[in-house]
Full PDB file with SEQRES, HELIX, SHEET, SSBOND, CRYST1, ORIGX, SCALE, CONECT and MASTER records, all heavy atoms in Angstrom:
SEQRES   1 A   33  GLY GLU ASP ILE GLY ALA VAL ALA ASP ALA GLY GLY ALA          
SEQRES   2 A   33  VAL VAL LEU TRP GLY THR PRO LYS GLY LEU THR GLY SER          
SEQRES   3 A   33  ALA GLY THR TRP LEU GLN SER                                  
SHEET    1 AA1 2 ALA A  13  TRP A  17  0                                        
SHEET    2 AA1 2 THR A  24  LEU A  31 -1                                        
CRYST1    1.000    1.000    1.000  90.00  90.00  90.00 P 1           1          
ORIGX1      1.000000  0.000000  0.000000        0.00000                         
ORIGX2      0.000000  1.000000  0.000000        0.00000                         
ORIGX3      0.000000  0.000000  1.000000        0.00000                         
SCALE1      1.000000  0.000000  0.000000        0.00000                         
SCALE2      0.000000  1.000000  0.000000        0.00000                         
SCALE3      0.000000  0.000000  1.000000        0.00000                         
ATOM      1  N   GLY A   1       0.796  -1.229   0.000  1.00  0.00           N  
ATOM      2  CA  GLY A   1       0.000   0.000   0.000  1.00  0.00           C  
ATOM      3  C   GLY A   1       0.818   1.264   0.000  1.00  0.00           C  
ATOM      4  O   GLY A   1       0.257   2.375   0.082  1.00  0.00           O  
ATOM      5  N   GLU A   2       2.144   1.150  -0.113  1.00  0.00           N  
ATOM      6  CA  GLU A   2       3.026   2.324  -0.085  1.00  0.00           C  
ATOM      7  C   GLU A   2       2.773   3.241  -1.283  1.00  0.00           C  
ATOM      8  O   GLU A   2       2.687   2.795  -2.433  1.00  0.00           O  
ATOM      9  CB  GLU A   2       4.483   1.862  -0.104  1.00  0.00           C  
ATOM     10  CG  GLU A   2       5.501   2.977  -0.103  1.00  0.00           C  
ATOM     11  CD  GLU A   2       5.806   3.516   1.274  1.00  0.00           C  
ATOM     12  OE1 GLU A   2       5.404   2.869   2.271  1.00  0.00           O  
ATOM     13  OE2 GLU A   2       6.474   4.570   1.365  1.00  0.00           O  
ATOM     14  N   ASP A   3       2.623   4.539  -1.001  1.00  0.00           N  
ATOM     15  CA  ASP A   3       2.563   5.543  -2.056  1.00  0.00           C  
ATOM     16  C   ASP A   3       3.981   6.020  -2.340  1.00  0.00           C  
ATOM     17  O   ASP A   3       4.755   6.294  -1.420  1.00  0.00           O  
ATOM     18  CB  ASP A   3       1.711   6.740  -1.638  1.00  0.00           C  
ATOM     19  CG  ASP A   3       0.257   6.382  -1.396  1.00  0.00           C  
ATOM     20  OD1 ASP A   3      -0.172   5.291  -1.828  1.00  0.00           O  
ATOM     21  OD2 ASP A   3      -0.444   7.188  -0.759  1.00  0.00           O  
ATOM     22  N   ILE A   4       4.331   6.127  -3.599  1.00  0.00           N  
ATOM     23  CA  ILE A   4       5.636   6.651  -3.986  1.00  0.00           C  
ATOM     24  C   ILE A   4       5.410   7.984  -4.691  1.00  0.00           C  
ATOM     25  O   ILE A   4       4.898   8.024  -5.810  1.00  0.00           O  
ATOM     26  CB  ILE A   4       6.393   5.666  -4.883  1.00  0.00           C  
ATOM     27  CG1 ILE A   4       6.671   4.370  -4.099  1.00  0.00           C  
ATOM     28  CG2 ILE A   4       7.692   6.267  -5.388  1.00  0.00           C  
ATOM     29  CD1 ILE A   4       7.403   3.307  -4.882  1.00  0.00           C  
ATOM     30  N   GLY A   5       5.762   9.058  -3.996  1.00  0.00           N  
ATOM     31  CA  GLY A   5       5.425  10.379  -4.495  1.00  0.00           C  
ATOM     32  C   GLY A   5       3.916  10.518  -4.561  1.00  0.00           C  
ATOM     33  O   GLY A   5       3.209  10.252  -3.586  1.00  0.00           O  
ATOM     34  N   ALA A   6       3.426  10.891  -5.729  1.00  0.00           N  
ATOM     35  CA  ALA A   6       1.986  11.037  -5.918  1.00  0.00           C  
ATOM     36  C   ALA A   6       1.330   9.766  -6.462  1.00  0.00           C  
ATOM     37  O   ALA A   6       0.136   9.766  -6.756  1.00  0.00           O  
ATOM     38  CB  ALA A   6       1.716  12.204  -6.866  1.00  0.00           C  
ATOM     39  N   VAL A   7       2.115   8.698  -6.591  1.00  0.00           N  
ATOM     40  CA  VAL A   7       1.612   7.457  -7.170  1.00  0.00           C  
ATOM     41  C   VAL A   7       1.046   6.577  -6.055  1.00  0.00           C  
ATOM     42  O   VAL A   7       1.793   6.035  -5.226  1.00  0.00           O  
ATOM     43  CB  VAL A   7       2.717   6.712  -7.930  1.00  0.00           C  
ATOM     44  CG1 VAL A   7       2.148   5.453  -8.594  1.00  0.00           C  
ATOM     45  CG2 VAL A   7       3.352   7.625  -8.974  1.00  0.00           C  
ATOM     46  N   ALA A   8      -0.276   6.444  -6.028  1.00  0.00           N  
ATOM     47  CA  ALA A   8      -0.943   5.721  -4.952  1.00  0.00           C  
ATOM     48  C   ALA A   8      -0.750   4.216  -5.089  1.00  0.00           C  
ATOM     49  O   ALA A   8      -0.838   3.659  -6.190  1.00  0.00           O  
ATOM     50  CB  ALA A   8      -2.430   6.054  -4.943  1.00  0.00           C  
ATOM     51  N   ASP A   9      -0.487   3.558  -3.955  1.00  0.00           N  
ATOM     52  CA  ASP A   9      -0.397   2.099  -3.882  1.00  0.00           C  
ATOM     53  C   ASP A   9       0.591   1.522  -4.885  1.00  0.00           C  
ATOM     54  O   ASP A   9       0.387   0.424  -5.423  1.00  0.00           O  
ATOM     55  CB  ASP A   9      -1.777   1.464  -4.087  1.00  0.00           C  
ATOM     56  CG  ASP A   9      -2.759   1.827  -2.985  1.00  0.00           C  
ATOM     57  OD1 ASP A   9      -2.299   2.218  -1.898  1.00  0.00           O  
ATOM     58  OD2 ASP A   9      -3.975   1.717  -3.213  1.00  0.00           O  
ATOM     59  N   ALA A  10       1.668   2.233  -5.124  1.00  0.00           N  
ATOM     60  CA  ALA A  10       2.706   1.697  -6.003  1.00  0.00           C  
ATOM     61  C   ALA A  10       3.386   0.498  -5.350  1.00  0.00           C  
ATOM     62  O   ALA A  10       3.776  -0.452  -6.018  1.00  0.00           O  
ATOM     63  CB  ALA A  10       3.740   2.774  -6.324  1.00  0.00           C  
ATOM     64  N   GLY A  11       3.524   0.559  -4.026  1.00  0.00           N  
ATOM     65  CA  GLY A  11       4.097  -0.558  -3.285  1.00  0.00           C  
ATOM     66  C   GLY A  11       5.606  -0.489  -3.173  1.00  0.00           C  
ATOM     67  O   GLY A  11       6.291   0.229  -3.904  1.00  0.00           O  
ATOM     68  N   GLY A  12       6.116  -1.253  -2.227  1.00  0.00           N  
ATOM     69  CA  GLY A  12       7.553  -1.336  -2.012  1.00  0.00           C  
ATOM     70  C   GLY A  12       7.860  -2.490  -1.085  1.00  0.00           C  
ATOM     71  O   GLY A  12       6.977  -3.229  -0.643  1.00  0.00           O  
ATOM     72  N   ALA A  13       9.122  -2.660  -0.785  1.00  0.00           N  
ATOM     73  CA  ALA A  13       9.564  -3.695   0.150  1.00  0.00           C  
ATOM     74  C   ALA A  13      10.829  -3.221   0.836  1.00  0.00           C  
ATOM     75  O   ALA A  13      11.587  -2.406   0.297  1.00  0.00           O  
ATOM     76  CB  ALA A  13       9.816  -5.018  -0.575  1.00  0.00           C  
ATOM     77  N   VAL A  14      11.044  -3.720   2.043  1.00  0.00           N  
ATOM     78  CA  VAL A  14      12.211  -3.363   2.835  1.00  0.00           C  
ATOM     79  C   VAL A  14      12.932  -4.637   3.254  1.00  0.00           C  
ATOM     80  O   VAL A  14      12.293  -5.606   3.669  1.00  0.00           O  
ATOM     81  CB  VAL A  14      11.815  -2.547   4.080  1.00  0.00           C  
ATOM     82  CG1 VAL A  14      12.948  -2.487   5.092  1.00  0.00           C  
ATOM     83  CG2 VAL A  14      11.398  -1.136   3.680  1.00  0.00           C  
ATOM     84  N   VAL A  15      14.254  -4.631   3.139  1.00  0.00           N  
ATOM     85  CA  VAL A  15      15.074  -5.723   3.655  1.00  0.00           C  
ATOM     86  C   VAL A  15      15.689  -5.286   4.979  1.00  0.00           C  
ATOM     87  O   VAL A  15      16.374  -4.262   5.046  1.00  0.00           O  
ATOM     88  CB  VAL A  15      16.193  -6.112   2.676  1.00  0.00           C  
ATOM     89  CG1 VAL A  15      17.020  -7.264   3.251  1.00  0.00           C  
ATOM     90  CG2 VAL A  15      15.628  -6.495   1.318  1.00  0.00           C  
ATOM     91  N   LEU A  16      15.419  -6.045   6.043  1.00  0.00           N  
ATOM     92  CA  LEU A  16      16.074  -5.858   7.335  1.00  0.00           C  
ATOM     93  C   LEU A  16      17.149  -6.929   7.441  1.00  0.00           C  
ATOM     94  O   LEU A  16      16.851  -8.125   7.386  1.00  0.00           O  
ATOM     95  CB  LEU A  16      15.073  -5.988   8.483  1.00  0.00           C  
ATOM     96  CG  LEU A  16      13.859  -5.057   8.445  1.00  0.00           C  
ATOM     97  CD1 LEU A  16      12.971  -5.300   9.652  1.00  0.00           C  
ATOM     98  CD2 LEU A  16      14.288  -3.595   8.387  1.00  0.00           C  
ATOM     99  N   TRP A  17      18.400  -6.518   7.599  1.00  0.00           N  
ATOM    100  CA  TRP A  17      19.520  -7.444   7.504  1.00  0.00           C  
ATOM    101  C   TRP A  17      19.782  -8.132   8.842  1.00  0.00           C  
ATOM    102  O   TRP A  17      19.738  -7.516   9.905  1.00  0.00           O  
ATOM    103  CB  TRP A  17      20.769  -6.714   7.026  1.00  0.00           C  
ATOM    104  CG  TRP A  17      20.573  -6.116   5.665  1.00  0.00           C  
ATOM    105  CD1 TRP A  17      20.277  -4.821   5.365  1.00  0.00           C  
ATOM    106  CD2 TRP A  17      20.591  -6.825   4.424  1.00  0.00           C  
ATOM    107  NE1 TRP A  17      20.131  -4.665   4.001  1.00  0.00           N  
ATOM    108  CE2 TRP A  17      20.321  -5.868   3.397  1.00  0.00           C  
ATOM    109  CE3 TRP A  17      20.812  -8.147   4.066  1.00  0.00           C  
ATOM    110  CZ2 TRP A  17      20.266  -6.222   2.059  1.00  0.00           C  
ATOM    111  CZ3 TRP A  17      20.766  -8.494   2.719  1.00  0.00           C  
ATOM    112  CH2 TRP A  17      20.496  -7.536   1.724  1.00  0.00           C  
ATOM    113  N   GLY A  18      20.073  -9.441   8.794  1.00  0.00           N  
ATOM    114  CA  GLY A  18      20.422 -10.193   9.977  1.00  0.00           C  
ATOM    115  C   GLY A  18      21.837  -9.887  10.436  1.00  0.00           C  
ATOM    116  O   GLY A  18      22.719  -9.595   9.613  1.00  0.00           O  
ATOM    117  N   THR A  19      22.046  -9.965  11.728  1.00  0.00           N  
ATOM    118  CA  THR A  19      23.352  -9.693  12.337  1.00  0.00           C  
ATOM    119  C   THR A  19      23.519 -10.617  13.550  1.00  0.00           C  
ATOM    120  O   THR A  19      22.560 -11.292  13.954  1.00  0.00           O  
ATOM    121  CB  THR A  19      23.452  -8.237  12.830  1.00  0.00           C  
ATOM    122  OG1 THR A  19      22.663  -8.087  14.021  1.00  0.00           O  
ATOM    123  CG2 THR A  19      22.977  -7.245  11.778  1.00  0.00           C  
ATOM    124  N   PRO A  20      24.711 -10.659  14.169  1.00  0.00           N  
ATOM    125  CA  PRO A  20      24.862 -11.465  15.386  1.00  0.00           C  
ATOM    126  C   PRO A  20      23.898 -11.063  16.493  1.00  0.00           C  
ATOM    127  O   PRO A  20      23.628 -11.865  17.395  1.00  0.00           O  
ATOM    128  CB  PRO A  20      26.313 -11.214  15.792  1.00  0.00           C  
ATOM    129  CG  PRO A  20      27.008 -10.866  14.514  1.00  0.00           C  
ATOM    130  CD  PRO A  20      26.001 -10.097  13.727  1.00  0.00           C  
ATOM    131  N   LYS A  21      23.371  -9.849  16.441  1.00  0.00           N  
ATOM    132  CA  LYS A  21      22.413  -9.395  17.442  1.00  0.00           C  
ATOM    133  C   LYS A  21      20.973  -9.492  16.941  1.00  0.00           C  
ATOM    134  O   LYS A  21      20.045  -9.019  17.602  1.00  0.00           O  
ATOM    135  CB  LYS A  21      22.728  -7.962  17.853  1.00  0.00           C  
ATOM    136  CG  LYS A  21      24.065  -7.821  18.577  1.00  0.00           C  
ATOM    137  CD  LYS A  21      24.295  -6.385  19.029  1.00  0.00           C  
ATOM    138  CE  LYS A  21      25.618  -6.262  19.783  1.00  0.00           C  
ATOM    139  NZ  LYS A  21      25.858  -4.861  20.240  1.00  0.00           N  
ATOM    140  N   GLY A  22      20.768 -10.105  15.790  1.00  0.00           N  
ATOM    141  CA  GLY A  22      19.431 -10.246  15.238  1.00  0.00           C  
ATOM    142  C   GLY A  22      19.132  -9.191  14.197  1.00  0.00           C  
ATOM    143  O   GLY A  22      20.036  -8.532  13.658  1.00  0.00           O  
ATOM    144  N   LEU A  23      17.865  -9.025  13.888  1.00  0.00           N  
ATOM    145  CA  LEU A  23      17.469  -8.051  12.876  1.00  0.00           C  
ATOM    146  C   LEU A  23      17.745  -6.633  13.358  1.00  0.00           C  
ATOM    147  O   LEU A  23      17.601  -6.311  14.539  1.00  0.00           O  
ATOM    148  CB  LEU A  23      15.984  -8.183  12.558  1.00  0.00           C  
ATOM    149  CG  LEU A  23      15.539  -9.441  11.826  1.00  0.00           C  
ATOM    150  CD1 LEU A  23      14.039  -9.398  11.570  1.00  0.00           C  
ATOM    151  CD2 LEU A  23      16.292  -9.622  10.510  1.00  0.00           C  
ATOM    152  N   THR A  24      18.105  -5.791  12.401  1.00  0.00           N  
ATOM    153  CA  THR A  24      18.320  -4.394  12.719  1.00  0.00           C  
ATOM    154  C   THR A  24      17.748  -3.529  11.612  1.00  0.00           C  
ATOM    155  O   THR A  24      17.804  -3.894  10.432  1.00  0.00           O  
ATOM    156  CB  THR A  24      19.827  -4.090  12.888  1.00  0.00           C  
ATOM    157  OG1 THR A  24      20.009  -2.684  13.052  1.00  0.00           O  
ATOM    158  CG2 THR A  24      20.627  -4.549  11.674  1.00  0.00           C  
ATOM    159  N   GLY A  25      17.173  -2.411  11.998  1.00  0.00           N  
ATOM    160  CA  GLY A  25      16.687  -1.470  10.989  1.00  0.00           C  
ATOM    161  C   GLY A  25      17.812  -0.678  10.371  1.00  0.00           C  
ATOM    162  O   GLY A  25      17.656  -0.078   9.313  1.00  0.00           O  
ATOM    163  N   SER A  26      18.980  -0.676  11.021  1.00  0.00           N  
ATOM    164  CA  SER A  26      20.115   0.087  10.523  1.00  0.00           C  
ATOM    165  C   SER A  26      20.508  -0.373   9.126  1.00  0.00           C  
ATOM    166  O   SER A  26      20.655  -1.574   8.868  1.00  0.00           O  
ATOM    167  CB  SER A  26      21.301  -0.073  11.469  1.00  0.00           C  
ATOM    168  OG  SER A  26      22.439   0.593  10.981  1.00  0.00           O  
ATOM    169  N   ALA A  27      20.661   0.566   8.245  1.00  0.00           N  
ATOM    170  CA  ALA A  27      21.076   0.292   6.867  1.00  0.00           C  
ATOM    171  C   ALA A  27      20.105  -0.623   6.136  1.00  0.00           C  
ATOM    172  O   ALA A  27      20.482  -1.367   5.245  1.00  0.00           O  
ATOM    173  CB  ALA A  27      22.485  -0.297   6.829  1.00  0.00           C  
ATOM    174  N   GLY A  28      18.830  -0.586   6.511  1.00  0.00           N  
ATOM    175  CA  GLY A  28      17.826  -1.341   5.781  1.00  0.00           C  
ATOM    176  C   GLY A  28      17.794  -0.942   4.320  1.00  0.00           C  
ATOM    177  O   GLY A  28      18.108   0.198   3.959  1.00  0.00           O  
ATOM    178  N   THR A  29      17.433  -1.873   3.464  1.00  0.00           N  
ATOM    179  CA  THR A  29      17.447  -1.638   2.017  1.00  0.00           C  
ATOM    180  C   THR A  29      16.036  -1.502   1.476  1.00  0.00           C  
ATOM    181  O   THR A  29      15.158  -2.320   1.786  1.00  0.00           O  
ATOM    182  CB  THR A  29      18.163  -2.802   1.301  1.00  0.00           C  
ATOM    183  OG1 THR A  29      19.522  -2.851   1.732  1.00  0.00           O  
ATOM    184  CG2 THR A  29      18.120  -2.629  -0.214  1.00  0.00           C  
ATOM    185  N   TRP A  30      15.820  -0.493   0.673  1.00  0.00           N  
ATOM    186  CA  TRP A  30      14.523  -0.229   0.056  1.00  0.00           C  
ATOM    187  C   TRP A  30      14.472  -0.837  -1.335  1.00  0.00           C  
ATOM    188  O   TRP A  30      15.431  -0.717  -2.117  1.00  0.00           O  
ATOM    189  CB  TRP A  30      14.275   1.276  -0.031  1.00  0.00           C  
ATOM    190  CG  TRP A  30      13.029   1.624  -0.802  1.00  0.00           C  
ATOM    191  CD1 TRP A  30      12.934   2.077  -2.078  1.00  0.00           C  
ATOM    192  CD2 TRP A  30      11.688   1.528  -0.317  1.00  0.00           C  
ATOM    193  NE1 TRP A  30      11.622   2.263  -2.437  1.00  0.00           N  
ATOM    194  CE2 TRP A  30      10.837   1.934  -1.381  1.00  0.00           C  
ATOM    195  CE3 TRP A  30      11.120   1.145   0.892  1.00  0.00           C  
ATOM    196  CZ2 TRP A  30       9.454   1.967  -1.246  1.00  0.00           C  
ATOM    197  CZ3 TRP A  30       9.749   1.169   1.018  1.00  0.00           C  
ATOM    198  CH2 TRP A  30       8.924   1.580  -0.043  1.00  0.00           C  
ATOM    199  N   LEU A  31      13.358  -1.486  -1.689  1.00  0.00           N  
ATOM    200  CA  LEU A  31      13.139  -2.034  -3.025  1.00  0.00           C  
ATOM    201  C   LEU A  31      11.826  -1.501  -3.569  1.00  0.00           C  
ATOM    202  O   LEU A  31      10.836  -1.391  -2.847  1.00  0.00           O  
ATOM    203  CB  LEU A  31      13.082  -3.562  -2.983  1.00  0.00           C  
ATOM    204  CG  LEU A  31      14.305  -4.307  -2.469  1.00  0.00           C  
ATOM    205  CD1 LEU A  31      13.990  -5.798  -2.373  1.00  0.00           C  
ATOM    206  CD2 LEU A  31      15.502  -4.083  -3.370  1.00  0.00           C  
ATOM    207  N   GLN A  32      11.803  -1.206  -4.858  1.00  0.00           N  
ATOM    208  CA  GLN A  32      10.572  -0.821  -5.529  1.00  0.00           C  
ATOM    209  C   GLN A  32      10.656  -1.251  -6.979  1.00  0.00           C  
ATOM    210  O   GLN A  32      11.706  -1.665  -7.470  1.00  0.00           O  
ATOM    211  CB  GLN A  32      10.339   0.689  -5.442  1.00  0.00           C  
ATOM    212  CG  GLN A  32      11.334   1.529  -6.220  1.00  0.00           C  
ATOM    213  CD  GLN A  32      11.099   3.017  -6.030  1.00  0.00           C  
ATOM    214  OE1 GLN A  32      11.088   3.523  -4.913  1.00  0.00           O  
ATOM    215  NE2 GLN A  32      10.917   3.729  -7.142  1.00  0.00           N  
ATOM    216  N   SER A  33       9.547  -1.169  -7.663  1.00  0.00           N  
ATOM    217  CA  SER A  33       9.500  -1.580  -9.064  1.00  0.00           C  
ATOM    218  C   SER A  33      10.213  -0.570  -9.959  1.00  0.00           C  
ATOM    219  O   SER A  33      10.254   0.626  -9.668  1.00  0.00           O  
ATOM    220  CB  SER A  33       8.039  -1.721  -9.509  1.00  0.00           C  
ATOM    221  OG  SER A  33       7.963  -2.013 -10.884  1.00  0.00           O  
TER     222      SER A  33                                                      
MASTER        0    0    0    0    2    0    0    6  221    1    0    3          
END                                                                             
């Protein structure tokens, strides 16, 4: 349901990277079409 700029429901995805301390939001990666 992510809006990208004025484009409604374009969508996206986020990668949360695993580490020795578990998942972290730090340096998460954004993906879109």
